[in-house]
N, C-alpha and C. Protein backbone atom coordinates (compact mmCIF):
# COMPACT_ATOMS: atom_id res chain seq x y z
N MET A 1 163.70 118.30 85.00
CA MET A 1 162.88 119.43 85.43
C MET A 1 163.55 120.13 86.62
N ASN A 2 163.80 121.44 86.51
CA ASN A 2 164.44 122.14 87.62
C ASN A 2 163.43 122.42 88.74
N ASP A 3 163.97 122.87 89.89
CA ASP A 3 163.13 123.04 91.07
C ASP A 3 162.01 124.06 90.86
N LYS A 4 162.32 125.16 90.19
CA LYS A 4 161.31 126.20 89.99
C LYS A 4 160.14 125.69 89.17
N VAL A 5 160.43 124.96 88.11
CA VAL A 5 159.37 124.41 87.27
C VAL A 5 158.55 123.39 88.05
N ARG A 6 159.23 122.54 88.82
CA ARG A 6 158.53 121.52 89.60
C ARG A 6 157.62 122.16 90.64
N GLN A 7 158.13 123.16 91.35
CA GLN A 7 157.32 123.84 92.37
C GLN A 7 156.14 124.57 91.73
N TYR A 8 156.40 125.21 90.60
CA TYR A 8 155.35 125.93 89.88
C TYR A 8 154.23 124.96 89.47
N ARG A 9 154.61 123.82 88.92
CA ARG A 9 153.61 122.84 88.49
C ARG A 9 152.86 122.24 89.68
N GLY A 10 153.59 122.01 90.77
CA GLY A 10 152.94 121.46 91.95
C GLY A 10 151.87 122.37 92.51
N LEU A 11 152.16 123.65 92.60
CA LEU A 11 151.18 124.61 93.12
C LEU A 11 150.05 124.84 92.12
N SER A 12 150.35 124.74 90.83
CA SER A 12 149.29 124.81 89.82
C SER A 12 148.32 123.64 90.00
N CYS A 13 148.87 122.44 90.20
CA CYS A 13 148.03 121.26 90.42
C CYS A 13 147.16 121.43 91.65
N ALA A 14 147.73 121.99 92.71
CA ALA A 14 146.96 122.19 93.94
C ALA A 14 145.77 123.12 93.69
N ALA A 15 146.01 124.22 93.00
CA ALA A 15 144.94 125.19 92.74
C ALA A 15 143.84 124.58 91.88
N TRP A 16 144.23 123.91 90.79
CA TRP A 16 143.23 123.32 89.90
C TRP A 16 142.54 122.13 90.55
N GLY A 17 143.21 121.46 91.47
CA GLY A 17 142.56 120.39 92.21
C GLY A 17 141.35 120.90 92.98
N TYR A 18 141.50 122.05 93.62
CA TYR A 18 140.38 122.61 94.38
C TYR A 18 139.28 123.12 93.45
N PHE A 19 139.64 123.49 92.24
CA PHE A 19 138.61 123.88 91.28
C PHE A 19 137.72 122.68 90.94
N PHE A 20 138.33 121.56 90.61
CA PHE A 20 137.55 120.38 90.23
C PHE A 20 136.77 119.83 91.41
N LEU A 21 137.27 119.98 92.62
CA LEU A 21 136.59 119.42 93.78
C LEU A 21 135.40 120.27 94.25
N ASN A 22 135.39 121.54 93.90
CA ASN A 22 134.40 122.42 94.50
C ASN A 22 133.46 123.10 93.51
N PHE A 23 133.67 122.92 92.23
CA PHE A 23 132.77 123.49 91.24
C PHE A 23 132.24 122.37 90.36
N HIS A 24 130.92 122.35 90.18
CA HIS A 24 130.28 121.22 89.52
C HIS A 24 129.39 121.71 88.38
N PHE A 25 129.57 121.10 87.23
CA PHE A 25 128.70 121.36 86.08
C PHE A 25 128.18 120.01 85.61
N ARG A 26 126.87 119.84 85.69
CA ARG A 26 126.29 118.53 85.45
C ARG A 26 125.42 118.49 84.20
N ILE A 27 125.47 117.34 83.55
CA ILE A 27 124.49 117.00 82.53
C ILE A 27 123.76 115.77 83.05
N GLY A 28 122.56 115.96 83.49
CA GLY A 28 121.85 114.90 84.18
C GLY A 28 122.52 114.62 85.50
N SER A 29 122.91 113.39 85.73
CA SER A 29 123.58 113.02 86.98
C SER A 29 125.10 112.98 86.84
N VAL A 30 125.59 113.31 85.65
CA VAL A 30 127.04 113.20 85.39
C VAL A 30 127.70 114.56 85.57
N ASN A 31 128.70 114.61 86.44
CA ASN A 31 129.46 115.82 86.69
C ASN A 31 130.56 115.96 85.65
N LEU A 32 130.57 117.06 84.92
CA LEU A 32 131.58 117.29 83.89
C LEU A 32 132.93 117.71 84.48
N LEU A 33 132.93 118.05 85.77
CA LEU A 33 134.18 118.35 86.48
C LEU A 33 134.32 117.34 87.62
N PRO A 34 134.64 116.10 87.29
CA PRO A 34 134.61 115.02 88.30
C PRO A 34 135.62 115.22 89.42
N GLY A 35 135.20 114.80 90.62
CA GLY A 35 136.05 114.97 91.79
C GLY A 35 137.33 114.17 91.73
N PHE A 36 137.31 113.01 91.03
CA PHE A 36 138.53 112.21 91.00
C PHE A 36 139.64 112.94 90.25
N VAL A 37 139.29 113.79 89.28
CA VAL A 37 140.30 114.59 88.58
C VAL A 37 140.93 115.58 89.56
N GLY A 38 140.10 116.14 90.45
CA GLY A 38 140.63 117.04 91.46
C GLY A 38 141.65 116.36 92.35
N PHE A 39 141.35 115.14 92.78
CA PHE A 39 142.31 114.43 93.64
C PHE A 39 143.55 113.98 92.87
N LEU A 40 143.40 113.71 91.58
CA LEU A 40 144.59 113.40 90.77
C LEU A 40 145.50 114.63 90.67
N PHE A 41 144.88 115.81 90.55
CA PHE A 41 145.67 117.05 90.56
C PHE A 41 146.40 117.20 91.90
N LEU A 42 145.67 116.95 93.00
CA LEU A 42 146.30 117.07 94.32
C LEU A 42 147.40 116.02 94.51
N LEU A 43 147.19 114.85 93.93
CA LEU A 43 148.23 113.82 93.99
C LEU A 43 149.49 114.30 93.25
N GLY A 44 149.28 114.96 92.11
CA GLY A 44 150.40 115.53 91.38
C GLY A 44 151.09 116.62 92.18
N ALA A 45 150.31 117.42 92.91
CA ALA A 45 150.89 118.47 93.74
C ALA A 45 151.74 117.87 94.86
N ILE A 46 151.24 116.80 95.47
CA ILE A 46 151.99 116.14 96.54
C ILE A 46 153.33 115.62 96.01
N GLY A 47 153.30 114.96 94.86
CA GLY A 47 154.54 114.44 94.29
C GLY A 47 155.53 115.52 93.94
N ALA A 48 155.04 116.65 93.44
CA ALA A 48 155.93 117.72 93.01
C ALA A 48 156.53 118.48 94.20
N LEU A 49 155.79 118.60 95.28
CA LEU A 49 156.23 119.44 96.40
C LEU A 49 156.87 118.65 97.54
N LEU A 50 156.97 117.33 97.40
CA LEU A 50 157.55 116.50 98.46
C LEU A 50 158.97 116.93 98.85
N PRO A 51 159.86 117.28 97.91
CA PRO A 51 161.21 117.67 98.32
C PRO A 51 161.23 118.86 99.29
N GLU A 52 160.26 119.76 99.16
CA GLU A 52 160.20 120.92 100.06
C GLU A 52 159.31 120.68 101.28
N CYS A 53 158.39 119.73 101.18
CA CYS A 53 157.42 119.53 102.27
C CYS A 53 157.18 118.03 102.43
N ARG A 54 158.04 117.39 103.19
CA ARG A 54 157.99 115.93 103.32
C ARG A 54 156.75 115.45 104.07
N ASN A 55 156.12 116.34 104.83
CA ASN A 55 154.91 115.94 105.55
C ASN A 55 153.79 115.52 104.59
N LEU A 56 153.84 116.02 103.36
CA LEU A 56 152.81 115.67 102.38
C LEU A 56 152.80 114.18 102.05
N LEU A 57 153.92 113.50 102.31
CA LEU A 57 153.99 112.07 102.03
C LEU A 57 152.93 111.30 102.81
N LEU A 58 152.59 111.78 104.00
CA LEU A 58 151.59 111.11 104.83
C LEU A 58 150.20 111.18 104.20
N LEU A 59 149.98 112.17 103.33
CA LEU A 59 148.66 112.35 102.73
C LEU A 59 148.51 111.58 101.42
N ARG A 60 149.61 111.07 100.87
CA ARG A 60 149.53 110.40 99.56
C ARG A 60 148.57 109.20 99.56
N PRO A 61 148.62 108.28 100.56
CA PRO A 61 147.68 107.14 100.52
C PRO A 61 146.22 107.58 100.54
N LEU A 62 145.91 108.60 101.36
CA LEU A 62 144.54 109.11 101.40
C LEU A 62 144.12 109.70 100.06
N CYS A 63 145.04 110.41 99.43
CA CYS A 63 144.74 111.04 98.15
C CYS A 63 144.46 109.98 97.08
N ILE A 64 145.24 108.91 97.08
CA ILE A 64 145.01 107.82 96.14
C ILE A 64 143.66 107.17 96.40
N PHE A 65 143.32 106.96 97.67
CA PHE A 65 142.03 106.37 98.03
C PHE A 65 140.87 107.23 97.53
N PHE A 66 140.95 108.53 97.77
CA PHE A 66 139.86 109.41 97.36
C PHE A 66 139.76 109.51 95.83
N ALA A 67 140.88 109.51 95.15
CA ALA A 67 140.85 109.53 93.69
C ALA A 67 140.13 108.29 93.16
N ALA A 68 140.46 107.13 93.74
CA ALA A 68 139.81 105.89 93.31
C ALA A 68 138.33 105.88 93.66
N MET A 69 137.99 106.32 94.87
CA MET A 69 136.60 106.32 95.30
C MET A 69 135.75 107.26 94.45
N TYR A 70 136.27 108.46 94.18
CA TYR A 70 135.52 109.41 93.37
C TYR A 70 135.39 108.93 91.93
N ALA A 71 136.40 108.21 91.44
CA ALA A 71 136.33 107.67 90.08
C ALA A 71 135.22 106.63 89.98
N VAL A 72 135.15 105.73 90.97
CA VAL A 72 134.08 104.72 90.99
C VAL A 72 132.72 105.39 91.11
N ASP A 73 132.64 106.39 91.98
CA ASP A 73 131.37 107.09 92.17
C ASP A 73 130.93 107.79 90.89
N TRP A 74 131.89 108.35 90.15
CA TRP A 74 131.57 109.03 88.89
C TRP A 74 131.05 108.04 87.85
N VAL A 75 131.68 106.86 87.78
CA VAL A 75 131.21 105.83 86.85
C VAL A 75 129.81 105.36 87.23
N LEU A 76 129.57 105.16 88.53
CA LEU A 76 128.25 104.73 88.98
C LEU A 76 127.19 105.78 88.69
N ALA A 77 127.59 107.07 88.74
CA ALA A 77 126.63 108.16 88.50
C ALA A 77 126.06 108.10 87.10
N VAL A 78 126.83 107.56 86.16
CA VAL A 78 126.34 107.42 84.79
C VAL A 78 125.09 106.53 84.77
N GLY A 79 125.08 105.54 85.66
CA GLY A 79 123.92 104.65 85.76
C GLY A 79 122.93 105.06 86.82
N GLY A 80 123.10 106.28 87.36
CA GLY A 80 122.15 106.78 88.36
C GLY A 80 122.37 106.24 89.75
N GLN A 81 123.57 105.69 90.02
CA GLN A 81 123.88 105.15 91.33
C GLN A 81 124.96 106.00 92.00
N GLN A 82 125.24 105.69 93.30
CA GLN A 82 126.32 106.36 94.00
C GLN A 82 126.83 105.48 95.12
N ILE A 83 128.08 105.76 95.54
CA ILE A 83 128.67 104.96 96.62
C ILE A 83 128.04 105.31 97.96
N GLY A 84 127.96 106.61 98.24
CA GLY A 84 127.48 107.06 99.54
C GLY A 84 125.98 106.91 99.71
N GLY A 85 125.56 107.07 100.96
CA GLY A 85 124.13 107.05 101.25
C GLY A 85 123.57 105.69 101.62
N HIS A 86 124.43 104.67 101.70
CA HIS A 86 123.96 103.33 102.01
C HIS A 86 124.31 102.90 103.43
N ILE A 87 125.53 103.24 103.86
CA ILE A 87 126.00 102.87 105.19
C ILE A 87 126.45 104.14 105.90
N LEU A 88 125.72 104.51 106.95
CA LEU A 88 125.98 105.78 107.64
C LEU A 88 127.39 105.84 108.19
N PHE A 89 127.85 104.76 108.81
CA PHE A 89 129.19 104.76 109.41
C PHE A 89 130.26 105.00 108.36
N PHE A 90 130.12 104.35 107.19
CA PHE A 90 131.10 104.53 106.11
C PHE A 90 131.09 105.98 105.63
N ASP A 91 129.89 106.56 105.47
CA ASP A 91 129.80 107.95 105.02
C ASP A 91 130.48 108.89 106.00
N LEU A 92 130.25 108.67 107.30
CA LEU A 92 130.85 109.53 108.33
C LEU A 92 132.37 109.37 108.35
N LEU A 93 132.84 108.14 108.18
CA LEU A 93 134.27 107.88 108.19
C LEU A 93 134.96 108.56 107.01
N VAL A 94 134.33 108.45 105.83
CA VAL A 94 134.89 109.08 104.63
C VAL A 94 134.90 110.60 104.78
N THR A 95 133.81 111.16 105.31
CA THR A 95 133.73 112.61 105.51
C THR A 95 134.82 113.09 106.46
N ALA A 96 135.01 112.36 107.57
CA ALA A 96 136.04 112.74 108.54
C ALA A 96 137.43 112.66 107.92
N ALA A 97 137.68 111.61 107.14
CA ALA A 97 139.00 111.45 106.51
C ALA A 97 139.25 112.56 105.49
N GLU A 98 138.21 112.94 104.75
CA GLU A 98 138.37 114.00 103.75
C GLU A 98 138.60 115.35 104.41
N LEU A 99 137.91 115.60 105.53
CA LEU A 99 138.13 116.84 106.27
C LEU A 99 139.57 116.90 106.77
N TYR A 100 140.05 115.78 107.29
CA TYR A 100 141.44 115.73 107.76
C TYR A 100 142.42 115.99 106.62
N PHE A 101 142.15 115.36 105.48
CA PHE A 101 143.06 115.52 104.34
C PHE A 101 143.21 116.99 103.94
N HIS A 102 142.08 117.67 103.75
CA HIS A 102 142.15 119.06 103.30
C HIS A 102 142.75 119.97 104.37
N PHE A 103 142.41 119.71 105.63
CA PHE A 103 142.97 120.51 106.72
C PHE A 103 144.49 120.39 106.72
N GLN A 104 144.99 119.16 106.63
CA GLN A 104 146.43 118.95 106.69
C GLN A 104 147.13 119.41 105.42
N PHE A 105 146.51 119.20 104.26
CA PHE A 105 147.11 119.61 103.00
C PHE A 105 147.31 121.12 102.97
N LEU A 106 146.28 121.87 103.32
CA LEU A 106 146.39 123.33 103.31
C LEU A 106 147.34 123.82 104.40
N THR A 107 147.39 123.10 105.53
CA THR A 107 148.35 123.44 106.58
C THR A 107 149.78 123.30 106.07
N ASP A 108 150.05 122.21 105.35
CA ASP A 108 151.39 121.97 104.83
C ASP A 108 151.77 122.99 103.76
N ILE A 109 150.83 123.34 102.89
CA ILE A 109 151.12 124.33 101.86
C ILE A 109 151.37 125.71 102.49
N ALA A 110 150.59 126.02 103.54
CA ALA A 110 150.81 127.29 104.24
C ALA A 110 152.18 127.32 104.90
N ALA A 111 152.58 126.20 105.50
CA ALA A 111 153.91 126.11 106.11
C ALA A 111 155.00 126.25 105.05
N LEU A 112 154.76 125.68 103.88
CA LEU A 112 155.69 125.81 102.77
C LEU A 112 155.88 127.28 102.38
N ALA A 113 154.76 127.99 102.24
CA ALA A 113 154.83 129.41 101.87
C ALA A 113 155.53 130.24 102.95
N LYS A 114 155.21 129.95 104.20
CA LYS A 114 155.77 130.73 105.31
C LYS A 114 157.27 130.54 105.43
N SER A 115 157.73 129.31 105.19
CA SER A 115 159.15 129.01 105.38
C SER A 115 160.01 129.34 104.17
N CYS A 116 159.41 129.28 102.98
CA CYS A 116 160.21 129.41 101.76
C CYS A 116 160.13 130.77 101.09
N LEU A 117 159.16 131.61 101.49
CA LEU A 117 158.99 132.89 100.83
C LEU A 117 159.28 134.03 101.80
N PRO A 118 160.02 135.05 101.37
CA PRO A 118 160.32 136.18 102.25
C PRO A 118 159.07 136.84 102.82
N ASP A 119 158.03 136.97 102.00
CA ASP A 119 156.77 137.57 102.46
C ASP A 119 155.68 136.50 102.60
N GLY A 120 156.12 135.27 102.89
CA GLY A 120 155.17 134.17 102.94
C GLY A 120 154.24 134.17 104.13
N ALA A 121 154.57 134.92 105.19
CA ALA A 121 153.73 134.91 106.39
C ALA A 121 152.33 135.39 106.08
N LYS A 122 152.22 136.41 105.22
CA LYS A 122 150.90 136.94 104.88
C LYS A 122 150.08 135.92 104.10
N LEU A 123 150.70 135.28 103.12
CA LEU A 123 150.01 134.26 102.34
C LEU A 123 149.67 133.05 103.20
N ALA A 124 150.58 132.68 104.09
CA ALA A 124 150.33 131.56 104.98
C ALA A 124 149.15 131.84 105.91
N LYS A 125 149.10 133.06 106.43
CA LYS A 125 148.00 133.44 107.32
C LYS A 125 146.66 133.35 106.59
N ARG A 126 146.64 133.78 105.31
CA ARG A 126 145.41 133.70 104.52
C ARG A 126 145.02 132.24 104.28
N LEU A 127 146.02 131.40 103.99
CA LEU A 127 145.72 129.99 103.77
C LEU A 127 145.22 129.32 105.05
N PHE A 128 145.81 129.67 106.18
CA PHE A 128 145.33 129.12 107.46
C PHE A 128 143.87 129.51 107.69
N ARG A 129 143.55 130.77 107.38
CA ARG A 129 142.18 131.23 107.57
C ARG A 129 141.23 130.50 106.62
N CYS A 130 141.64 130.37 105.36
CA CYS A 130 140.81 129.65 104.39
C CYS A 130 140.65 128.19 104.78
N ARG A 131 141.73 127.60 105.27
CA ARG A 131 141.67 126.20 105.73
C ARG A 131 140.62 126.00 106.81
N THR A 132 140.61 126.91 107.78
CA THR A 132 139.65 126.79 108.88
C THR A 132 138.22 126.97 108.39
N LEU A 133 138.00 127.98 107.54
CA LEU A 133 136.67 128.21 107.00
C LEU A 133 136.21 127.04 106.13
N TYR A 134 137.13 126.51 105.33
CA TYR A 134 136.81 125.38 104.45
C TYR A 134 136.39 124.17 105.29
N THR A 135 137.11 123.92 106.37
CA THR A 135 136.79 122.79 107.24
C THR A 135 135.44 122.98 107.92
N LEU A 136 135.19 124.18 108.44
CA LEU A 136 133.92 124.45 109.11
C LEU A 136 132.73 124.34 108.16
N LEU A 137 132.88 124.90 106.96
CA LEU A 137 131.78 124.84 105.99
C LEU A 137 131.54 123.42 105.51
N SER A 138 132.60 122.66 105.28
CA SER A 138 132.44 121.28 104.85
C SER A 138 131.76 120.45 105.94
N THR A 139 132.11 120.72 107.19
CA THR A 139 131.45 120.03 108.30
C THR A 139 129.97 120.40 108.38
N ALA A 140 129.68 121.69 108.20
CA ALA A 140 128.29 122.15 108.24
C ALA A 140 127.46 121.52 107.11
N VAL A 141 128.06 121.41 105.91
CA VAL A 141 127.35 120.80 104.79
C VAL A 141 127.04 119.34 105.10
N ALA A 142 128.02 118.62 105.64
CA ALA A 142 127.82 117.21 105.97
C ALA A 142 126.72 117.05 107.01
N MET A 143 126.69 117.93 108.00
CA MET A 143 125.68 117.85 109.06
C MET A 143 124.30 118.20 108.51
N ALA A 144 124.22 119.27 107.70
CA ALA A 144 122.93 119.70 107.16
C ALA A 144 122.35 118.66 106.21
N ALA A 145 123.21 117.99 105.45
CA ALA A 145 122.73 116.99 104.49
C ALA A 145 122.26 115.71 105.17
N SER A 146 122.74 115.47 106.39
CA SER A 146 122.40 114.21 107.07
C SER A 146 121.17 114.31 107.96
N VAL A 147 120.67 115.54 108.19
CA VAL A 147 119.48 115.70 109.03
C VAL A 147 118.25 115.20 108.28
N PRO A 148 117.43 114.36 108.92
CA PRO A 148 116.22 113.86 108.24
C PRO A 148 115.30 114.98 107.80
N ALA A 149 114.76 114.85 106.60
CA ALA A 149 113.86 115.87 106.06
C ALA A 149 112.47 115.67 106.63
N VAL A 150 112.21 116.31 107.77
CA VAL A 150 110.93 116.11 108.46
C VAL A 150 109.99 117.30 108.29
N ILE A 151 110.51 118.42 107.78
CA ILE A 151 109.67 119.60 107.60
C ILE A 151 109.60 119.93 106.12
N TRP A 152 108.40 120.01 105.58
CA TRP A 152 108.17 120.26 104.16
C TRP A 152 109.05 119.37 103.29
N PRO A 153 108.91 118.04 103.43
CA PRO A 153 109.78 117.14 102.66
C PRO A 153 109.57 117.28 101.16
N ASP A 154 110.65 117.20 100.44
CA ASP A 154 110.63 117.22 98.98
C ASP A 154 111.00 115.81 98.52
N HIS A 155 110.05 115.10 97.96
CA HIS A 155 110.29 113.70 97.61
C HIS A 155 111.23 113.55 96.42
N GLU A 156 111.45 114.61 95.65
CA GLU A 156 112.35 114.51 94.51
C GLU A 156 113.81 114.63 94.93
N THR A 157 114.08 115.58 95.82
CA THR A 157 115.47 115.80 96.23
C THR A 157 115.83 115.05 97.50
N GLY A 158 114.82 114.70 98.30
CA GLY A 158 115.10 114.05 99.57
C GLY A 158 115.39 115.03 100.69
N TYR A 159 115.39 116.33 100.41
CA TYR A 159 115.65 117.35 101.41
C TYR A 159 114.38 118.14 101.69
N SER A 160 114.29 118.67 102.91
CA SER A 160 113.21 119.58 103.22
C SER A 160 113.51 120.95 102.62
N GLU A 161 112.51 121.81 102.62
CA GLU A 161 112.72 123.16 102.09
C GLU A 161 113.79 123.89 102.89
N ASN A 162 113.73 123.74 104.21
CA ASN A 162 114.73 124.39 105.06
C ASN A 162 116.13 123.86 104.77
N GLN A 163 116.26 122.54 104.64
CA GLN A 163 117.56 121.97 104.33
C GLN A 163 118.10 122.48 103.00
N GLY A 164 117.23 122.55 102.01
CA GLY A 164 117.66 123.02 100.70
C GLY A 164 118.19 124.44 100.76
N ASN A 165 117.49 125.31 101.50
CA ASN A 165 117.95 126.69 101.62
C ASN A 165 119.29 126.78 102.35
N ILE A 166 119.42 125.99 103.43
CA ILE A 166 120.67 126.00 104.19
C ILE A 166 121.83 125.50 103.34
N LEU A 167 121.59 124.40 102.63
CA LEU A 167 122.64 123.83 101.79
C LEU A 167 123.05 124.80 100.67
N LEU A 168 122.07 125.53 100.14
CA LEU A 168 122.39 126.52 99.10
C LEU A 168 123.27 127.62 99.64
N MET A 169 122.94 128.14 100.83
CA MET A 169 123.75 129.19 101.43
C MET A 169 125.16 128.70 101.74
N LEU A 170 125.25 127.47 102.26
CA LEU A 170 126.57 126.91 102.55
C LEU A 170 127.38 126.69 101.28
N ALA A 171 126.69 126.29 100.20
CA ALA A 171 127.38 126.07 98.92
C ALA A 171 127.95 127.38 98.38
N VAL A 172 127.18 128.46 98.50
CA VAL A 172 127.65 129.77 98.02
C VAL A 172 128.86 130.22 98.84
N ALA A 173 128.77 130.06 100.18
CA ALA A 173 129.89 130.43 101.04
C ALA A 173 131.11 129.57 100.74
N GLY A 174 130.88 128.27 100.53
CA GLY A 174 131.98 127.36 100.22
C GLY A 174 132.66 127.71 98.91
N ALA A 175 131.85 128.13 97.91
CA ALA A 175 132.43 128.53 96.63
C ALA A 175 133.34 129.75 96.80
N GLY A 176 132.90 130.68 97.64
CA GLY A 176 133.73 131.86 97.90
C GLY A 176 135.05 131.50 98.55
N VAL A 177 135.02 130.59 99.53
CA VAL A 177 136.25 130.16 100.19
C VAL A 177 137.15 129.40 99.22
N SER A 178 136.54 128.58 98.37
CA SER A 178 137.31 127.81 97.38
C SER A 178 138.04 128.75 96.41
N VAL A 179 137.34 129.81 95.99
CA VAL A 179 137.98 130.79 95.11
C VAL A 179 139.15 131.46 95.83
N ALA A 180 138.96 131.78 97.12
CA ALA A 180 140.04 132.40 97.89
C ALA A 180 141.24 131.48 98.01
N ILE A 181 140.99 130.17 98.19
CA ILE A 181 142.08 129.19 98.26
C ILE A 181 142.83 129.16 96.93
N MET A 182 142.08 129.10 95.83
CA MET A 182 142.72 129.03 94.52
C MET A 182 143.55 130.28 94.23
N VAL A 183 142.99 131.44 94.52
CA VAL A 183 143.71 132.70 94.28
C VAL A 183 145.00 132.74 95.09
N THR A 184 144.92 132.33 96.36
CA THR A 184 146.11 132.35 97.22
C THR A 184 147.16 131.36 96.73
N LEU A 185 146.72 130.17 96.30
CA LEU A 185 147.67 129.19 95.77
C LEU A 185 148.36 129.71 94.51
N PHE A 186 147.61 130.40 93.65
CA PHE A 186 148.22 130.98 92.46
C PHE A 186 149.21 132.09 92.83
N GLN A 187 148.92 132.82 93.91
CA GLN A 187 149.85 133.85 94.35
C GLN A 187 151.13 133.24 94.90
N VAL A 188 150.99 132.15 95.66
CA VAL A 188 152.17 131.44 96.14
C VAL A 188 152.97 130.90 94.96
N ARG A 189 152.27 130.36 93.97
CA ARG A 189 152.92 129.85 92.77
C ARG A 189 153.73 130.93 92.07
N LYS A 190 153.17 132.13 91.98
CA LYS A 190 153.85 133.24 91.31
C LYS A 190 155.17 133.56 92.00
N CYS A 191 155.18 133.50 93.34
CA CYS A 191 156.42 133.78 94.08
C CYS A 191 157.49 132.74 93.75
N PHE A 192 157.10 131.48 93.65
CA PHE A 192 158.07 130.43 93.30
C PHE A 192 158.54 130.60 91.86
N ARG A 193 157.62 130.99 90.98
CA ARG A 193 157.99 131.18 89.58
C ARG A 193 159.01 132.31 89.43
N ASP A 194 158.79 133.38 90.22
CA ASP A 194 159.68 134.53 90.11
C ASP A 194 160.99 134.34 90.86
N GLY A 195 161.13 133.19 91.54
CA GLY A 195 162.37 132.92 92.26
C GLY A 195 162.49 133.66 93.56
N ASP A 196 161.36 134.16 94.08
CA ASP A 196 161.38 134.93 95.33
C ASP A 196 161.28 133.98 96.51
N THR A 197 162.35 133.18 96.73
CA THR A 197 162.32 132.15 97.76
C THR A 197 163.52 132.26 98.67
N VAL A 198 163.41 131.58 99.82
CA VAL A 198 164.51 131.49 100.78
C VAL A 198 165.02 130.06 100.74
N GLU A 199 166.33 129.88 100.69
CA GLU A 199 166.89 128.54 100.61
C GLU A 199 166.72 127.82 101.95
N ARG A 200 165.98 126.71 101.93
CA ARG A 200 165.80 125.85 103.09
C ARG A 200 165.89 124.40 102.63
N GLU A 201 166.32 123.52 103.53
CA GLU A 201 166.36 122.11 103.15
C GLU A 201 164.97 121.51 103.05
N ASP A 202 164.11 121.92 103.95
CA ASP A 202 162.75 121.36 103.94
C ASP A 202 161.82 122.43 104.48
N CYS A 203 161.04 123.03 103.61
CA CYS A 203 160.16 124.12 104.02
C CYS A 203 158.97 123.63 104.83
N GLY A 204 158.76 122.35 104.88
CA GLY A 204 157.59 121.83 105.59
C GLY A 204 157.87 121.55 107.05
N THR A 205 159.08 121.76 107.54
CA THR A 205 159.38 121.48 108.92
C THR A 205 159.42 122.75 109.73
């Protein structure tokens, strides 16, 4: 596989990874777009882009962990169970690790675009902006979901009416940011496909 094909596939994996991680279609409790598939795509992106961005190697163990965790959670969901929600410290630790992973992954991809593409500064700036918004919204969702439902509790969902409305608004905003990330990644991919690159030993440095 030549470099252009490898880079093209790596960025394709990155874009589709964010699709599986942020868009959900459920039948009952089973998600037809499971999160572990998203992390497997991101794992493929890391492997493909390592020659240009060696910093991604640091994220590989985390990506493997999340792929395994989401796979177990998806299997448990078939039986109406889930991993999270039992130990608060574990949930907070996983949330913090996942926030770090996405922040650093998008940072590395933005650095790749900026260093390897003649007009990469614009795409990198957009990715940096999306990265920050993605991190802030993910943090807000985690905080809103963890607040006890003390006002107008809904015994079916476990959330109050206010929490449900807030989470819905955050979900809509998050979907918009996710689409922006995917579109930008596809644009970066197009530049690599067209050969519009600058020769560097390591675009991630």
